[in-house]
PDB file of N, CA and C in Angstrom:
ATOM      1  N   MET A   1      -4.510  38.559   0.544  1.00  0.00           N
ATOM      2  CA  MET A   1      -5.950  38.547   0.651  1.00  0.00           C
ATOM      3  C   MET A   1      -6.478  37.372  -0.164  1.00  0.00           C
ATOM      4  N   SER A   2      -7.514  36.729   0.331  1.00  0.00           N
ATOM      5  CA  SER A   2      -8.184  35.647  -0.372  1.00  0.00           C
ATOM      6  C   SER A   2      -9.591  36.090  -0.741  1.00  0.00           C
ATOM      7  N   ILE A   3     -10.152  35.450  -1.775  1.00  0.00           N
ATOM      8  CA  ILE A   3     -11.522  35.777  -2.177  1.00  0.00           C
ATOM      9  C   ILE A   3     -12.325  34.507  -2.392  1.00  0.00           C
ATOM     10  N   ILE A   4     -13.635  34.657  -2.319  1.00  0.00           N
ATOM     11  CA  ILE A   4     -14.553  33.595  -2.696  1.00  0.00           C
ATOM     12  C   ILE A   4     -15.085  33.980  -4.066  1.00  0.00           C
ATOM     13  N   ALA A   5     -14.882  33.102  -5.039  1.00  0.00           N
ATOM     14  CA  ALA A   5     -15.252  33.418  -6.419  1.00  0.00           C
ATOM     15  C   ALA A   5     -16.438  32.574  -6.870  1.00  0.00           C
ATOM     16  N   ASP A   6     -17.264  33.161  -7.734  1.00  0.00           N
ATOM     17  CA  ASP A   6     -18.369  32.397  -8.298  1.00  0.00           C
ATOM     18  C   ASP A   6     -17.988  31.873  -9.679  1.00  0.00           C
ATOM     19  N   THR A   7     -18.880  31.094 -10.264  1.00  0.00           N
ATOM     20  CA  THR A   7     -18.587  30.449 -11.541  1.00  0.00           C
ATOM     21  C   THR A   7     -18.343  31.456 -12.658  1.00  0.00           C
ATOM     22  N   THR A   8     -19.073  32.556 -12.663  1.00  0.00           N
ATOM     23  CA  THR A   8     -18.912  33.553 -13.720  1.00  0.00           C
ATOM     24  C   THR A   8     -17.501  34.122 -13.731  1.00  0.00           C
ATOM     25  N   VAL A   9     -17.015  34.516 -12.579  1.00  0.00           N
ATOM     26  CA  VAL A   9     -15.657  35.068 -12.488  1.00  0.00           C
ATOM     27  C   VAL A   9     -14.632  34.026 -12.928  1.00  0.00           C
ATOM     28  N   ILE A  10     -14.738  32.832 -12.380  1.00  0.00           N
ATOM     29  CA  ILE A  10     -13.797  31.759 -12.710  1.00  0.00           C
ATOM     30  C   ILE A  10     -13.841  31.455 -14.204  1.00  0.00           C
ATOM     31  N   SER A  11     -15.036  31.296 -14.750  1.00  0.00           N
ATOM     32  CA  SER A  11     -15.191  30.959 -16.171  1.00  0.00           C
ATOM     33  C   SER A  11     -14.615  32.033 -17.080  1.00  0.00           C
ATOM     34  N   ASN A  12     -14.908  33.285 -16.774  1.00  0.00           N
ATOM     35  CA  ASN A  12     -14.426  34.375 -17.623  1.00  0.00           C
ATOM     36  C   ASN A  12     -12.904  34.456 -17.636  1.00  0.00           C
ATOM     37  N   PHE A  13     -12.289  34.374 -16.474  1.00  0.00           N
ATOM     38  CA  PHE A  13     -10.832  34.434 -16.427  1.00  0.00           C
ATOM     39  C   PHE A  13     -10.204  33.169 -17.015  1.00  0.00           C
ATOM     40  N   ALA A  14     -10.817  32.014 -16.790  1.00  0.00           N
ATOM     41  CA  ALA A  14     -10.295  30.768 -17.361  1.00  0.00           C
ATOM     42  C   ALA A  14     -10.391  30.786 -18.884  1.00  0.00           C
ATOM     43  N   ALA A  15     -11.490  31.306 -19.414  1.00  0.00           N
ATOM     44  CA  ALA A  15     -11.707  31.330 -20.862  1.00  0.00           C
ATOM     45  C   ALA A  15     -10.661  32.163 -21.595  1.00  0.00           C
ATOM     46  N   ILE A  16     -10.136  33.192 -20.932  1.00  0.00           N
ATOM     47  CA  ILE A  16      -9.106  34.013 -21.582  1.00  0.00           C
ATOM     48  C   ILE A  16      -7.699  33.669 -21.077  1.00  0.00           C
ATOM     49  N   GLY A  17      -7.608  32.560 -20.335  1.00  0.00           N
ATOM     50  CA  GLY A  17      -6.305  32.085 -19.877  1.00  0.00           C
ATOM     51  C   GLY A  17      -5.643  32.975 -18.841  1.00  0.00           C
ATOM     52  N   GLN A  18      -6.444  33.627 -17.997  1.00  0.00           N
ATOM     53  CA  GLN A  18      -5.888  34.583 -17.040  1.00  0.00           C
ATOM     54  C   GLN A  18      -6.220  34.277 -15.580  1.00  0.00           C
ATOM     55  N   LEU A  19      -6.406  33.002 -15.238  1.00  0.00           N
ATOM     56  CA  LEU A  19      -6.629  32.667 -13.834  1.00  0.00           C
ATOM     57  C   LEU A  19      -5.437  33.066 -12.976  1.00  0.00           C
ATOM     58  N   ASN A  20      -4.259  33.049 -13.575  1.00  0.00           N
ATOM     59  CA  ASN A  20      -3.069  33.467 -12.830  1.00  0.00           C
ATOM     60  C   ASN A  20      -3.173  34.923 -12.371  1.00  0.00           C
ATOM     61  N   THR A  21      -3.880  35.760 -13.128  1.00  0.00           N
ATOM     62  CA  THR A  21      -4.067  37.160 -12.730  1.00  0.00           C
ATOM     63  C   THR A  21      -4.865  37.247 -11.430  1.00  0.00           C
ATOM     64  N   LEU A  22      -5.945  36.483 -11.334  1.00  0.00           N
ATOM     65  CA  LEU A  22      -6.716  36.457 -10.089  1.00  0.00           C
ATOM     66  C   LEU A  22      -5.852  35.965  -8.936  1.00  0.00           C
ATOM     67  N   HIS A  23      -5.082  34.930  -9.208  1.00  0.00           N
ATOM     68  CA  HIS A  23      -4.205  34.373  -8.174  1.00  0.00           C
ATOM     69  C   HIS A  23      -3.172  35.405  -7.724  1.00  0.00           C
ATOM     70  N   GLN A  24      -2.599  36.133  -8.660  1.00  0.00           N
ATOM     71  CA  GLN A  24      -1.601  37.149  -8.315  1.00  0.00           C
ATOM     72  C   GLN A  24      -2.216  38.291  -7.507  1.00  0.00           C
ATOM     73  N   LEU A  25      -3.437  38.664  -7.835  1.00  0.00           N
ATOM     74  CA  LEU A  25      -4.097  39.767  -7.136  1.00  0.00           C
ATOM     75  C   LEU A  25      -4.613  39.387  -5.749  1.00  0.00           C
ATOM     76  N   PHE A  26      -5.148  38.171  -5.629  1.00  0.00           N
ATOM     77  CA  PHE A  26      -5.866  37.817  -4.412  1.00  0.00           C
ATOM     78  C   PHE A  26      -5.317  36.618  -3.653  1.00  0.00           C
ATOM     79  N   GLY A  27      -4.335  35.923  -4.200  1.00  0.00           N
ATOM     80  CA  GLY A  27      -3.839  34.727  -3.510  1.00  0.00           C
ATOM     81  C   GLY A  27      -4.791  33.568  -3.746  1.00  0.00           C
ATOM     82  N   THR A  28      -5.180  32.918  -2.667  1.00  0.00           N
ATOM     83  CA  THR A  28      -6.053  31.754  -2.772  1.00  0.00           C
ATOM     84  C   THR A  28      -7.455  32.156  -3.203  1.00  0.00           C
ATOM     85  N   LEU A  29      -7.987  31.425  -4.166  1.00  0.00           N
ATOM     86  CA  LEU A  29      -9.371  31.607  -4.594  1.00  0.00           C
ATOM     87  C   LEU A  29     -10.189  30.476  -3.979  1.00  0.00           C
ATOM     88  N   TYR A  30     -11.151  30.827  -3.171  1.00  0.00           N
ATOM     89  CA  TYR A  30     -12.035  29.830  -2.575  1.00  0.00           C
ATOM     90  C   TYR A  30     -13.319  29.773  -3.380  1.00  0.00           C
ATOM     91  N   ILE A  31     -13.881  28.563  -3.484  1.00  0.00           N
ATOM     92  CA  ILE A  31     -15.133  28.413  -4.216  1.00  0.00           C
ATOM     93  C   ILE A  31     -16.126  27.610  -3.380  1.00  0.00           C
ATOM     94  N   PRO A  32     -17.402  27.970  -3.467  1.00  0.00           N
ATOM     95  CA  PRO A  32     -18.441  27.187  -2.797  1.00  0.00           C
ATOM     96  C   PRO A  32     -18.602  25.821  -3.470  1.00  0.00           C
ATOM     97  N   THR A  33     -19.224  24.901  -2.772  1.00  0.00           N
ATOM     98  CA  THR A  33     -19.448  23.550  -3.290  1.00  0.00           C
ATOM     99  C   THR A  33     -20.172  23.568  -4.629  1.00  0.00           C
ATOM    100  N   GLU A  34     -21.170  24.408  -4.775  1.00  0.00           N
ATOM    101  CA  GLU A  34     -21.928  24.456  -6.030  1.00  0.00           C
ATOM    102  C   GLU A  34     -21.060  24.916  -7.199  1.00  0.00           C
ATOM    103  N   VAL A  35     -20.164  25.833  -6.968  1.00  0.00           N
ATOM    104  CA  VAL A  35     -19.251  26.280  -8.021  1.00  0.00           C
ATOM    105  C   VAL A  35     -18.325  25.137  -8.408  1.00  0.00           C
ATOM    106  N   TYR A  36     -17.826  24.405  -7.418  1.00  0.00           N
ATOM    107  CA  TYR A  36     -16.989  23.230  -7.682  1.00  0.00           C
ATOM    108  C   TYR A  36     -17.736  22.252  -8.589  1.00  0.00           C
ATOM    109  N   LYS A  37     -19.001  21.983  -8.262  1.00  0.00           N
ATOM    110  CA  LYS A  37     -19.808  21.057  -9.063  1.00  0.00           C
ATOM    111  C   LYS A  37     -19.999  21.579 -10.486  1.00  0.00           C
ATOM    112  N   GLU A  38     -20.232  22.879 -10.624  1.00  0.00           N
ATOM    113  CA  GLU A  38     -20.417  23.467 -11.956  1.00  0.00           C
ATOM    114  C   GLU A  38     -19.143  23.348 -12.791  1.00  0.00           C
ATOM    115  N   ILE A  39     -18.001  23.541 -12.164  1.00  0.00           N
ATOM    116  CA  ILE A  39     -16.728  23.404 -12.877  1.00  0.00           C
ATOM    117  C   ILE A  39     -16.517  21.954 -13.299  1.00  0.00           C
ATOM    118  N   GLN A  40     -16.813  21.016 -12.409  1.00  0.00           N
ATOM    119  CA  GLN A  40     -16.681  19.600 -12.751  1.00  0.00           C
ATOM    120  C   GLN A  40     -17.598  19.227 -13.912  1.00  0.00           C
ATOM    121  N   THR A  41     -18.822  19.737 -13.885  1.00  0.00           N
ATOM    122  CA  THR A  41     -19.757  19.492 -14.984  1.00  0.00           C
ATOM    123  C   THR A  41     -19.210  20.074 -16.282  1.00  0.00           C
ATOM    124  N   GLY A  42     -18.681  21.274 -16.217  1.00  0.00           N
ATOM    125  CA  GLY A  42     -18.087  21.900 -17.398  1.00  0.00           C
ATOM    126  C   GLY A  42     -16.952  21.075 -17.975  1.00  0.00           C
ATOM    127  N   LEU A  43     -16.097  20.550 -17.111  1.00  0.00           N
ATOM    128  CA  LEU A  43     -15.001  19.698 -17.581  1.00  0.00           C
ATOM    129  C   LEU A  43     -15.540  18.444 -18.262  1.00  0.00           C
ATOM    130  N   GLN A  44     -16.549  17.830 -17.661  1.00  0.00           N
ATOM    131  CA  GLN A  44     -17.147  16.623 -18.234  1.00  0.00           C
ATOM    132  C   GLN A  44     -17.822  16.906 -19.570  1.00  0.00           C
ATOM    133  N   GLU A  45     -18.324  18.120 -19.732  1.00  0.00           N
ATOM    134  CA  GLU A  45     -18.998  18.490 -20.976  1.00  0.00           C
ATOM    135  C   GLU A  45     -18.031  19.004 -22.038  1.00  0.00           C
ATOM    136  N   GLY A  46     -16.745  19.054 -21.702  1.00  0.00           N
ATOM    137  CA  GLY A  46     -15.746  19.411 -22.700  1.00  0.00           C
ATOM    138  C   GLY A  46     -15.291  20.854 -22.720  1.00  0.00           C
ATOM    139  N   TYR A  47     -15.607  21.621 -21.692  1.00  0.00           N
ATOM    140  CA  TYR A  47     -15.134  23.003 -21.629  1.00  0.00           C
ATOM    141  C   TYR A  47     -13.661  22.997 -21.231  1.00  0.00           C
ATOM    142  N   LEU A  48     -12.810  22.975 -22.232  1.00  0.00           N
ATOM    143  CA  LEU A  48     -11.380  22.783 -22.016  1.00  0.00           C
ATOM    144  C   LEU A  48     -10.704  23.924 -21.281  1.00  0.00           C
ATOM    145  N   PHE A  49     -11.320  25.108 -21.256  1.00  0.00           N
ATOM    146  CA  PHE A  49     -10.681  26.223 -20.547  1.00  0.00           C
ATOM    147  C   PHE A  49     -10.610  25.976 -19.042  1.00  0.00           C
ATOM    148  N   TYR A  50     -11.368  25.003 -18.535  1.00  0.00           N
ATOM    149  CA  TYR A  50     -11.264  24.645 -17.119  1.00  0.00           C
ATOM    150  C   TYR A  50     -10.064  23.744 -16.825  1.00  0.00           C
ATOM    151  N   THR A  51      -9.434  23.212 -17.852  1.00  0.00           N
ATOM    152  CA  THR A  51      -8.288  22.333 -17.655  1.00  0.00           C
ATOM    153  C   THR A  51      -7.166  23.088 -16.955  1.00  0.00           C
ATOM    154  N   GLY A  52      -6.629  22.497 -15.898  1.00  0.00           N
ATOM    155  CA  GLY A  52      -5.546  23.118 -15.151  1.00  0.00           C
ATOM    156  C   GLY A  52      -6.002  24.079 -14.070  1.00  0.00           C
ATOM    157  N   ILE A  53      -7.288  24.219 -13.897  1.00  0.00           N
ATOM    158  CA  ILE A  53      -7.837  25.183 -12.942  1.00  0.00           C
ATOM    159  C   ILE A  53      -7.470  24.849 -11.496  1.00  0.00           C
ATOM    160  N   GLU A  54      -7.235  23.566 -11.234  1.00  0.00           N
ATOM    161  CA  GLU A  54      -6.992  23.126  -9.861  1.00  0.00           C
ATOM    162  C   GLU A  54      -5.772  23.768  -9.212  1.00  0.00           C
ATOM    163  N   GLN A  55      -4.838  24.239  -9.997  1.00  0.00           N
ATOM    164  CA  GLN A  55      -3.646  24.857  -9.411  1.00  0.00           C
ATOM    165  C   GLN A  55      -3.913  26.243  -8.827  1.00  0.00           C
ATOM    166  N   TYR A  56      -5.049  26.835  -9.149  1.00  0.00           N
ATOM    167  CA  TYR A  56      -5.358  28.185  -8.690  1.00  0.00           C
ATOM    168  C   TYR A  56      -6.465  28.262  -7.641  1.00  0.00           C
ATOM    169  N   ILE A  57      -7.231  27.195  -7.498  1.00  0.00           N
ATOM    170  CA  ILE A  57      -8.456  27.283  -6.712  1.00  0.00           C
ATOM    171  C   ILE A  57      -8.491  26.255  -5.590  1.00  0.00           C
ATOM    172  N   TYR A  58      -8.836  26.727  -4.387  1.00  0.00           N
ATOM    173  CA  TYR A  58      -9.094  25.841  -3.272  1.00  0.00           C
ATOM    174  C   TYR A  58     -10.581  25.483  -3.338  1.00  0.00           C
ATOM    175  N   PRO A  59     -10.997  24.248  -3.231  1.00  0.00           N
ATOM    176  CA  PRO A  59     -10.362  23.114  -2.592  1.00  0.00           C
ATOM    177  C   PRO A  59      -9.481  22.253  -3.467  1.00  0.00           C
ATOM    178  N   PHE A  60      -9.303  22.569  -4.744  1.00  0.00           N
ATOM    179  CA  PHE A  60      -8.414  21.771  -5.577  1.00  0.00           C
ATOM    180  C   PHE A  60      -6.983  21.858  -5.068  1.00  0.00           C
ATOM    181  N   ALA A  61      -6.496  23.070  -4.898  1.00  0.00           N
ATOM    182  CA  ALA A  61      -5.105  23.306  -4.523  1.00  0.00           C
ATOM    183  C   ALA A  61      -4.922  23.128  -3.020  1.00  0.00           C
ATOM    184  N   THR A  62      -3.773  22.577  -2.646  1.00  0.00           N
ATOM    185  CA  THR A  62      -3.487  22.425  -1.225  1.00  0.00           C
ATOM    186  C   THR A  62      -2.789  23.653  -0.677  1.00  0.00           C
ATOM    187  N   GLU A  63      -2.283  24.504  -1.560  1.00  0.00           N
ATOM    188  CA  GLU A  63      -1.641  25.753  -1.160  1.00  0.00           C
ATOM    189  C   GLU A  63      -2.235  26.892  -1.974  1.00  0.00           C
ATOM    190  N   GLY A  64      -2.138  28.119  -1.443  1.00  0.00           N
ATOM    191  CA  GLY A  64      -2.726  29.271  -2.115  1.00  0.00           C
ATOM    192  C   GLY A  64      -2.084  29.685  -3.354  1.00  0.00           C
TER     193      GLY A  64
END
C-alpha cells in the first residue's frame, strides 16, 4: 500500500529518525508539490532531520 503524506507526518517521523517505519508500513510515500517545496525550504534553512529523506519519498526516490 502507498500513502500520500503531508509535511507534518513527514517532519514528525523524520525528526525522530523513523521515516523507515513509514516506509515499512506503507511502501512508497507520495508527497504533493507543496510538501516537496516545504521540505526543500526546511533543508535550506538547516533542518537537518530532513537529510536523507529522498530515499523514502517519491518524487525523490525512483523506487518505493
